[in-house]
């Protein structure tokens, strides 16, 4: 079977990315690949681990409660249009909001989880 995409990053939401990134750097022995005030990418785990600022982020009430776990996947592709078309063909749907459709596309999996396809993530 030919893959549509490869797993490139796992993204975690946080009110402040820096402390969470520092935690994962120490926990997993990762290095900073890219850093801005709102986004930090860590490398060294086979895939990038990214932490992004989300206003009003609230921690999950795991394993049960009104706030579920928050996580989404970043999938690296060579061609955004082709990947989007193929993902839609196998059951994804396009999210209403597309913050930067020229750089990544937000799609929703069949269970309702958002994920992104992007050409911005290098081979790691």
N, C-alpha and C. Protein backbone atom coordinates (compact mmCIF):
# COMPACT_ATOMS: atom_id res chain seq x y z
N UNK A 1 0.85 -1.17 0.00
CA UNK A 1 0.00 0.00 0.00
C UNK A 1 0.89 1.23 0.00
N UNK A 2 0.58 2.20 -0.85
CA UNK A 2 1.32 3.45 -0.90
C UNK A 2 0.76 4.41 0.13
N UNK A 3 1.62 4.98 0.93
CA UNK A 3 1.20 5.92 1.97
C UNK A 3 0.81 7.26 1.36
N UNK A 4 -0.15 7.91 1.93
CA UNK A 4 -0.55 9.26 1.55
C UNK A 4 0.35 10.27 2.24
N UNK A 5 0.76 9.98 3.48
CA UNK A 5 1.56 10.91 4.28
C UNK A 5 2.45 10.12 5.22
N UNK A 6 3.36 10.83 5.90
CA UNK A 6 4.17 10.20 6.95
C UNK A 6 3.97 10.99 8.23
N UNK A 7 3.96 10.31 9.35
CA UNK A 7 3.83 10.98 10.64
C UNK A 7 5.05 11.85 10.86
N UNK A 8 4.84 13.15 11.03
CA UNK A 8 5.94 14.09 11.12
C UNK A 8 6.06 14.77 12.47
N UNK A 9 4.93 15.00 13.14
CA UNK A 9 4.97 15.71 14.41
C UNK A 9 3.74 15.37 15.24
N UNK A 10 3.91 15.48 16.53
CA UNK A 10 2.80 15.42 17.48
C UNK A 10 2.78 16.77 18.17
N UNK A 11 1.61 17.42 18.18
CA UNK A 11 1.50 18.78 18.72
C UNK A 11 0.67 18.78 20.00
N UNK A 12 1.18 19.49 20.98
CA UNK A 12 0.49 19.64 22.26
C UNK A 12 0.11 21.10 22.45
N UNK A 13 -1.12 21.34 22.90
CA UNK A 13 -1.56 22.69 23.20
C UNK A 13 -1.18 23.05 24.63
N UNK A 14 -0.87 24.33 24.86
CA UNK A 14 -0.50 24.79 26.20
C UNK A 14 -0.76 26.29 26.31
N UNK A 15 -1.03 26.75 27.52
CA UNK A 15 -1.20 28.18 27.74
C UNK A 15 0.13 28.91 27.54
N UNK A 16 1.24 28.26 27.92
CA UNK A 16 2.58 28.81 27.75
C UNK A 16 3.47 27.69 27.22
N UNK A 17 3.89 27.75 25.98
CA UNK A 17 4.67 26.65 25.40
C UNK A 17 6.03 26.41 26.05
N UNK A 18 6.69 27.44 26.53
CA UNK A 18 8.07 27.32 27.01
C UNK A 18 8.25 26.31 28.15
N UNK A 19 7.48 26.40 29.24
CA UNK A 19 7.69 25.42 30.32
C UNK A 19 7.39 23.99 29.89
N UNK A 20 6.36 23.80 29.06
CA UNK A 20 6.04 22.46 28.62
C UNK A 20 7.14 21.92 27.70
N UNK A 21 7.66 22.77 26.81
CA UNK A 21 8.77 22.36 25.95
C UNK A 21 9.99 21.99 26.78
N UNK A 22 10.29 22.79 27.79
CA UNK A 22 11.44 22.49 28.66
C UNK A 22 11.27 21.14 29.35
N UNK A 23 10.05 20.86 29.79
CA UNK A 23 9.76 19.58 30.42
C UNK A 23 10.05 18.43 29.47
N UNK A 24 9.53 18.51 28.25
CA UNK A 24 9.74 17.43 27.29
C UNK A 24 11.18 17.35 26.81
N UNK A 25 11.86 18.47 26.75
CA UNK A 25 13.30 18.43 26.42
C UNK A 25 14.03 17.59 27.44
N UNK A 26 13.73 17.83 28.68
CA UNK A 26 14.41 17.11 29.76
C UNK A 26 13.94 15.66 29.84
N UNK A 27 12.66 15.44 29.73
CA UNK A 27 12.10 14.10 29.86
C UNK A 27 12.58 13.18 28.74
N UNK A 28 12.63 13.70 27.51
CA UNK A 28 12.94 12.87 26.35
C UNK A 28 14.31 13.13 25.73
N UNK A 29 15.07 14.08 26.29
CA UNK A 29 16.39 14.38 25.74
C UNK A 29 16.33 14.99 24.35
N UNK A 30 15.39 15.90 24.12
CA UNK A 30 15.17 16.50 22.81
C UNK A 30 15.91 17.83 22.68
N UNK A 31 16.10 18.25 21.43
CA UNK A 31 16.72 19.53 21.12
C UNK A 31 15.71 20.45 20.46
N UNK A 32 15.88 21.75 20.64
CA UNK A 32 15.00 22.72 19.99
C UNK A 32 15.34 22.77 18.50
N UNK A 33 14.32 22.57 17.68
CA UNK A 33 14.45 22.67 16.22
C UNK A 33 14.02 24.05 15.74
N UNK A 34 12.95 24.58 16.34
CA UNK A 34 12.42 25.90 16.00
C UNK A 34 11.72 26.45 17.23
N UNK A 35 11.83 27.79 17.41
CA UNK A 35 11.18 28.39 18.58
C UNK A 35 10.71 29.79 18.25
N UNK A 36 9.46 30.09 18.63
CA UNK A 36 8.92 31.44 18.62
C UNK A 36 8.16 31.60 19.93
N UNK A 37 7.58 32.76 20.15
CA UNK A 37 6.84 32.97 21.38
C UNK A 37 5.61 32.10 21.53
N UNK A 38 5.06 31.66 20.40
CA UNK A 38 3.81 30.90 20.43
C UNK A 38 3.97 29.44 20.01
N UNK A 39 5.18 29.04 19.61
CA UNK A 39 5.34 27.69 19.05
C UNK A 39 6.79 27.23 19.24
N UNK A 40 6.95 26.01 19.70
CA UNK A 40 8.28 25.42 19.86
C UNK A 40 8.23 24.01 19.28
N UNK A 41 9.21 23.70 18.44
CA UNK A 41 9.34 22.35 17.88
C UNK A 41 10.59 21.71 18.44
N UNK A 42 10.44 20.50 18.93
CA UNK A 42 11.55 19.74 19.49
C UNK A 42 11.85 18.55 18.59
N UNK A 43 13.13 18.26 18.38
CA UNK A 43 13.52 17.12 17.54
C UNK A 43 14.33 16.12 18.33
N UNK A 44 14.39 14.90 17.80
CA UNK A 44 15.18 13.86 18.41
C UNK A 44 14.38 12.65 18.85
N UNK A 45 13.09 12.67 18.59
CA UNK A 45 12.23 11.55 19.02
C UNK A 45 11.72 10.74 17.83
N UNK A 46 12.30 10.94 16.64
CA UNK A 46 11.82 10.25 15.46
C UNK A 46 10.76 11.05 14.72
N UNK A 47 9.97 11.80 15.46
CA UNK A 47 9.03 12.78 14.92
C UNK A 47 9.23 14.05 15.73
N UNK A 48 8.85 15.19 15.18
CA UNK A 48 8.91 16.42 15.97
C UNK A 48 7.83 16.41 17.03
N UNK A 49 8.14 16.94 18.17
CA UNK A 49 7.16 17.19 19.21
C UNK A 49 7.01 18.70 19.27
N UNK A 50 5.83 19.19 19.01
CA UNK A 50 5.62 20.63 19.00
C UNK A 50 4.65 21.03 20.08
N UNK A 51 4.88 22.23 20.61
CA UNK A 51 4.02 22.78 21.64
C UNK A 51 3.59 24.15 21.14
N UNK A 52 2.28 24.37 21.12
CA UNK A 52 1.77 25.63 20.60
C UNK A 52 0.86 26.30 21.62
N UNK A 53 0.97 27.63 21.65
CA UNK A 53 0.16 28.43 22.56
C UNK A 53 -1.30 28.40 22.12
N UNK A 54 -2.18 28.17 23.08
CA UNK A 54 -3.62 28.22 22.86
C UNK A 54 -4.21 29.08 23.97
N UNK A 55 -4.79 30.20 23.60
CA UNK A 55 -5.40 31.08 24.60
C UNK A 55 -6.48 30.33 25.36
N UNK A 56 -6.56 30.59 26.65
CA UNK A 56 -7.56 29.96 27.52
C UNK A 56 -7.47 28.44 27.55
N UNK A 57 -6.28 27.91 27.33
CA UNK A 57 -6.11 26.46 27.39
C UNK A 57 -6.43 25.96 28.79
N UNK A 58 -7.16 24.87 28.86
CA UNK A 58 -7.48 24.24 30.14
C UNK A 58 -6.99 22.80 30.09
N UNK A 59 -6.42 22.36 31.18
CA UNK A 59 -5.92 20.99 31.26
C UNK A 59 -7.07 20.00 31.16
N UNK A 60 -6.79 18.85 30.60
CA UNK A 60 -7.80 17.80 30.45
C UNK A 60 -8.17 17.22 31.81
N UNK A 61 -9.40 16.80 31.94
CA UNK A 61 -9.89 16.10 33.14
C UNK A 61 -9.79 14.60 32.91
N UNK A 62 -8.57 14.14 32.66
CA UNK A 62 -8.36 12.74 32.34
C UNK A 62 -8.38 11.89 33.59
N UNK A 63 -9.01 10.75 33.59
CA UNK A 63 -9.55 10.04 32.44
C UNK A 63 -11.01 10.34 32.13
N UNK A 64 -11.68 11.10 32.98
CA UNK A 64 -13.07 11.44 32.66
C UNK A 64 -13.34 12.86 33.14
N UNK A 65 -14.36 13.46 32.61
CA UNK A 65 -14.70 14.83 32.97
C UNK A 65 -15.07 15.62 31.74
N UNK A 66 -15.41 16.88 31.94
CA UNK A 66 -15.92 17.68 30.83
C UNK A 66 -14.86 18.14 29.82
N UNK A 67 -13.57 18.06 30.17
CA UNK A 67 -12.52 18.52 29.26
C UNK A 67 -11.72 17.30 28.80
N UNK A 68 -11.86 16.91 27.54
CA UNK A 68 -11.13 15.73 27.05
C UNK A 68 -9.67 16.04 26.77
N UNK A 69 -8.91 14.99 26.46
CA UNK A 69 -7.51 15.17 26.08
C UNK A 69 -7.43 16.06 24.85
N UNK A 70 -6.35 16.83 24.74
CA UNK A 70 -6.15 17.71 23.59
C UNK A 70 -4.84 17.34 22.92
N UNK A 71 -4.94 16.86 21.68
CA UNK A 71 -3.77 16.46 20.92
C UNK A 71 -4.18 16.39 19.46
N UNK A 72 -3.30 16.78 18.56
CA UNK A 72 -3.56 16.57 17.14
C UNK A 72 -2.27 16.20 16.43
N UNK A 73 -2.41 15.61 15.28
CA UNK A 73 -1.25 15.15 14.52
C UNK A 73 -0.92 16.11 13.40
N UNK A 74 0.37 16.27 13.14
CA UNK A 74 0.89 17.01 11.99
C UNK A 74 1.47 15.99 11.03
N UNK A 75 0.98 15.94 9.82
CA UNK A 75 1.42 14.95 8.85
C UNK A 75 2.14 15.63 7.71
N UNK A 76 3.37 15.20 7.44
CA UNK A 76 4.19 15.78 6.38
C UNK A 76 3.80 15.19 5.04
N UNK A 77 3.65 16.07 4.05
CA UNK A 77 3.29 15.66 2.69
C UNK A 77 4.14 16.44 1.70
N UNK A 78 4.23 15.94 0.48
CA UNK A 78 4.95 16.65 -0.57
C UNK A 78 4.07 17.63 -1.32
N UNK A 79 2.77 17.36 -1.39
CA UNK A 79 1.85 18.17 -2.17
C UNK A 79 0.56 18.35 -1.37
N UNK A 80 0.29 19.57 -0.92
CA UNK A 80 -0.90 19.83 -0.10
C UNK A 80 -2.20 19.46 -0.79
N UNK A 81 -2.36 19.89 -2.04
CA UNK A 81 -3.61 19.63 -2.75
C UNK A 81 -3.86 18.14 -2.92
N UNK A 82 -2.83 17.42 -3.33
CA UNK A 82 -2.98 15.98 -3.55
C UNK A 82 -3.27 15.25 -2.24
N UNK A 83 -2.55 15.61 -1.19
CA UNK A 83 -2.76 14.96 0.10
C UNK A 83 -4.17 15.23 0.63
N UNK A 84 -4.60 16.49 0.51
CA UNK A 84 -5.95 16.82 0.96
C UNK A 84 -6.98 16.01 0.19
N UNK A 85 -6.84 15.96 -1.11
CA UNK A 85 -7.78 15.22 -1.95
C UNK A 85 -7.82 13.74 -1.57
N UNK A 86 -6.65 13.14 -1.37
CA UNK A 86 -6.59 11.73 -1.00
C UNK A 86 -7.16 11.48 0.39
N UNK A 87 -6.87 12.36 1.33
CA UNK A 87 -7.41 12.20 2.68
C UNK A 87 -8.93 12.33 2.69
N UNK A 88 -9.46 13.29 1.92
CA UNK A 88 -10.91 13.45 1.81
C UNK A 88 -11.54 12.20 1.19
N UNK A 89 -10.85 11.62 0.23
CA UNK A 89 -11.37 10.43 -0.45
C UNK A 89 -11.49 9.22 0.46
N UNK A 90 -10.68 9.16 1.51
CA UNK A 90 -10.74 8.01 2.41
C UNK A 90 -11.49 8.30 3.71
N UNK A 91 -12.18 9.45 3.78
CA UNK A 91 -13.06 9.68 4.93
C UNK A 91 -12.81 10.91 5.76
N UNK A 92 -11.75 11.68 5.48
CA UNK A 92 -11.53 12.92 6.23
C UNK A 92 -12.51 13.98 5.71
N UNK A 93 -12.68 15.03 6.50
CA UNK A 93 -13.42 16.19 6.01
C UNK A 93 -12.59 17.43 6.31
N UNK A 94 -12.80 18.46 5.53
CA UNK A 94 -12.03 19.69 5.69
C UNK A 94 -12.64 20.53 6.81
N UNK A 95 -11.77 21.04 7.69
CA UNK A 95 -12.24 21.91 8.76
C UNK A 95 -12.71 23.23 8.18
N UNK A 96 -13.67 23.85 8.81
CA UNK A 96 -14.19 25.13 8.35
C UNK A 96 -13.11 26.20 8.40
N UNK A 97 -12.38 26.25 9.50
CA UNK A 97 -11.33 27.26 9.65
C UNK A 97 -10.00 26.73 9.12
N UNK A 98 -9.37 27.52 8.25
CA UNK A 98 -8.08 27.17 7.66
C UNK A 98 -7.14 28.36 7.87
N UNK A 99 -6.36 28.38 8.97
CA UNK A 99 -5.53 29.53 9.31
C UNK A 99 -4.46 29.89 8.27
N UNK A 100 -3.88 28.92 7.61
CA UNK A 100 -2.81 29.18 6.63
C UNK A 100 -2.85 28.10 5.55
N UNK A 101 -3.88 28.10 4.71
CA UNK A 101 -4.06 27.00 3.76
C UNK A 101 -2.96 26.88 2.72
N UNK A 102 -2.15 27.90 2.55
CA UNK A 102 -1.02 27.79 1.62
C UNK A 102 0.15 27.03 2.25
N UNK A 103 0.13 26.87 3.58
CA UNK A 103 1.23 26.20 4.28
C UNK A 103 0.78 24.89 4.94
N UNK A 104 -0.46 24.81 5.36
CA UNK A 104 -0.99 23.58 5.92
C UNK A 104 -2.50 23.59 5.80
N UNK A 105 -3.08 22.41 5.83
CA UNK A 105 -4.52 22.25 5.75
C UNK A 105 -4.99 21.52 7.00
N UNK A 106 -6.05 22.01 7.59
CA UNK A 106 -6.64 21.38 8.75
C UNK A 106 -7.77 20.49 8.26
N UNK A 107 -7.68 19.22 8.62
CA UNK A 107 -8.69 18.23 8.25
C UNK A 107 -9.22 17.58 9.51
N UNK A 108 -10.36 16.93 9.40
CA UNK A 108 -10.98 16.24 10.53
C UNK A 108 -11.08 14.76 10.19
N UNK A 109 -10.61 13.90 11.09
CA UNK A 109 -10.68 12.47 10.82
C UNK A 109 -12.11 11.96 11.02
N UNK A 110 -12.39 10.73 10.67
CA UNK A 110 -13.77 10.23 10.78
C UNK A 110 -14.34 10.24 12.20
N UNK A 111 -13.49 10.23 13.21
CA UNK A 111 -13.97 10.27 14.59
C UNK A 111 -14.09 11.70 15.12
N UNK A 112 -13.73 12.69 14.30
CA UNK A 112 -13.86 14.09 14.71
C UNK A 112 -12.60 14.74 15.23
N UNK A 113 -11.45 14.06 15.18
CA UNK A 113 -10.19 14.64 15.64
C UNK A 113 -9.55 15.47 14.53
N UNK A 114 -9.13 16.69 14.83
CA UNK A 114 -8.43 17.48 13.81
C UNK A 114 -7.00 16.99 13.62
N UNK A 115 -6.52 17.11 12.39
CA UNK A 115 -5.11 16.88 12.08
C UNK A 115 -4.73 17.79 10.93
N UNK A 116 -3.44 18.02 10.75
CA UNK A 116 -2.95 18.91 9.71
C UNK A 116 -2.07 18.15 8.75
N UNK A 117 -2.15 18.54 7.48
CA UNK A 117 -1.16 18.10 6.49
C UNK A 117 -0.37 19.34 6.10
N UNK A 118 0.95 19.18 5.97
CA UNK A 118 1.80 20.32 5.71
C UNK A 118 3.03 19.94 4.92
N UNK A 119 3.54 20.90 4.16
CA UNK A 119 4.81 20.69 3.45
C UNK A 119 5.97 21.33 4.20
N UNK A 120 5.71 21.89 5.37
CA UNK A 120 6.72 22.64 6.11
C UNK A 120 7.63 21.80 6.98
N UNK A 121 7.33 20.54 7.17
CA UNK A 121 8.11 19.73 8.09
C UNK A 121 9.14 18.93 7.32
N UNK A 122 10.42 19.11 7.64
CA UNK A 122 11.49 18.40 6.92
C UNK A 122 11.60 16.95 7.38
N UNK A 123 12.36 16.17 6.64
CA UNK A 123 12.69 14.83 7.11
C UNK A 123 13.48 14.99 8.40
N UNK A 124 13.09 14.25 9.42
CA UNK A 124 13.78 14.33 10.71
C UNK A 124 14.46 13.03 11.04
